[in-house]
Amino acid sequence: MGILIVLLILVGILFLALGIFVEAVKFLLWLGIALLIIGVIVWLMKYIRRNV
């Protein structure tokens, strides 16, 4: 599960960078932001459950 979270965050950052630098693929910017947010939320939930 940890590898999936890291992969999700990395793909989000990659799509975010592509969306910024390539004007033709602006939807990747929004997809990157969404994946990054989902990855951070999943990581936070896992971190909170581990500490409870």
C-alpha atoms as a PDB file:
ATOM      1  CA  MET A   1       0.000   0.000   0.000  1.00  0.00           C
ATOM      2  CA  GLY A   2       2.897   2.372   0.728  1.00  0.00           C
ATOM      3  CA  ILE A   3       4.333   1.959  -2.763  1.00  0.00           C
ATOM      4  CA  LEU A   4       0.925   2.765  -4.263  1.00  0.00           C
ATOM      5  CA  ILE A   5       0.708   6.003  -2.276  1.00  0.00           C
ATOM      6  CA  VAL A   6       4.202   7.086  -3.321  1.00  0.00           C
ATOM      7  CA  LEU A   7       3.447   6.187  -6.942  1.00  0.00           C
ATOM      8  CA  LEU A   8       0.190   8.149  -6.833  1.00  0.00           C
ATOM      9  CA  ILE A   9       1.970  11.219  -5.468  1.00  0.00           C
ATOM     10  CA  LEU A  10       4.794  10.953  -8.033  1.00  0.00           C
ATOM     11  CA  VAL A  11       2.361  10.582 -10.934  1.00  0.00           C
ATOM     12  CA  GLY A  12       0.449  13.579  -9.597  1.00  0.00           C
ATOM     13  CA  ILE A  13       3.613  15.687  -9.537  1.00  0.00           C
ATOM     14  CA  LEU A  14       4.546  14.511 -13.048  1.00  0.00           C
ATOM     15  CA  PHE A  15       1.114  15.395 -14.452  1.00  0.00           C
ATOM     16  CA  LEU A  16       1.262  18.711 -12.615  1.00  0.00           C
ATOM     17  CA  ALA A  17       4.621  19.535 -14.240  1.00  0.00           C
ATOM     18  CA  LEU A  18       3.415  18.454 -17.683  1.00  0.00           C
ATOM     19  CA  GLY A  19       0.274  20.532 -17.326  1.00  0.00           C
ATOM     20  CA  ILE A  20       2.319  23.614 -16.487  1.00  0.00           C
ATOM     21  CA  PHE A  21       4.970  23.266 -19.193  1.00  0.00           C
ATOM     22  CA  VAL A  22       2.903  21.912 -22.079  1.00  0.00           C
ATOM     23  CA  GLU A  23       0.063  24.205 -23.060  1.00  0.00           C
ATOM     24  CA  ALA A  24      -1.716  21.567 -25.152  1.00  0.00           C
ATOM     25  CA  VAL A  25      -2.301  19.214 -22.202  1.00  0.00           C
ATOM     26  CA  LYS A  26      -3.843  21.564 -19.632  1.00  0.00           C
ATOM     27  CA  PHE A  27      -6.140  18.785 -18.397  1.00  0.00           C
ATOM     28  CA  LEU A  28      -3.038  17.047 -17.014  1.00  0.00           C
ATOM     29  CA  LEU A  29      -2.626  19.992 -14.672  1.00  0.00           C
ATOM     30  CA  TRP A  30      -6.029  19.311 -13.117  1.00  0.00           C
ATOM     31  CA  LEU A  31      -5.471  15.563 -13.151  1.00  0.00           C
ATOM     32  CA  GLY A  32      -2.111  16.050 -11.437  1.00  0.00           C
ATOM     33  CA  ILE A  33      -3.630  18.259  -8.767  1.00  0.00           C
ATOM     34  CA  ALA A  34      -6.410  15.719  -8.142  1.00  0.00           C
ATOM     35  CA  LEU A  35      -3.979  12.768  -7.901  1.00  0.00           C
ATOM     36  CA  LEU A  36      -1.673  14.731  -5.619  1.00  0.00           C
ATOM     37  CA  ILE A  37      -4.535  15.643  -3.286  1.00  0.00           C
ATOM     38  CA  ILE A  38      -5.820  12.056  -3.237  1.00  0.00           C
ATOM     39  CA  GLY A  39      -2.322  10.743  -2.526  1.00  0.00           C
ATOM     40  CA  VAL A  40      -1.788  13.186   0.340  1.00  0.00           C
ATOM     41  CA  ILE A  41      -5.205  12.392   1.846  1.00  0.00           C
ATOM     42  CA  VAL A  42      -4.528   8.642   1.701  1.00  0.00           C
ATOM     43  CA  TRP A  43      -1.079   9.159   3.241  1.00  0.00           C
ATOM     44  CA  LEU A  44      -2.548  11.299   6.039  1.00  0.00           C
ATOM     45  CA  MET A  45      -5.264   8.739   6.781  1.00  0.00           C
ATOM     46  CA  LYS A  46      -2.651   5.982   6.975  1.00  0.00           C
ATOM     47  CA  TYR A  47      -0.436   8.150   9.224  1.00  0.00           C
ATOM     48  CA  ILE A  48      -3.325   9.062  11.542  1.00  0.00           C
ATOM     49  CA  ARG A  49      -4.528   5.453  11.854  1.00  0.00           C
ATOM     50  CA  ARG A  50      -0.994   4.289  12.683  1.00  0.00           C
ATOM     51  CA  ASN A  51      -0.672   6.830  15.524  1.00  0.00           C
ATOM     52  CA  VAL A  52      -4.082   6.171  17.113  1.00  0.00           C
END
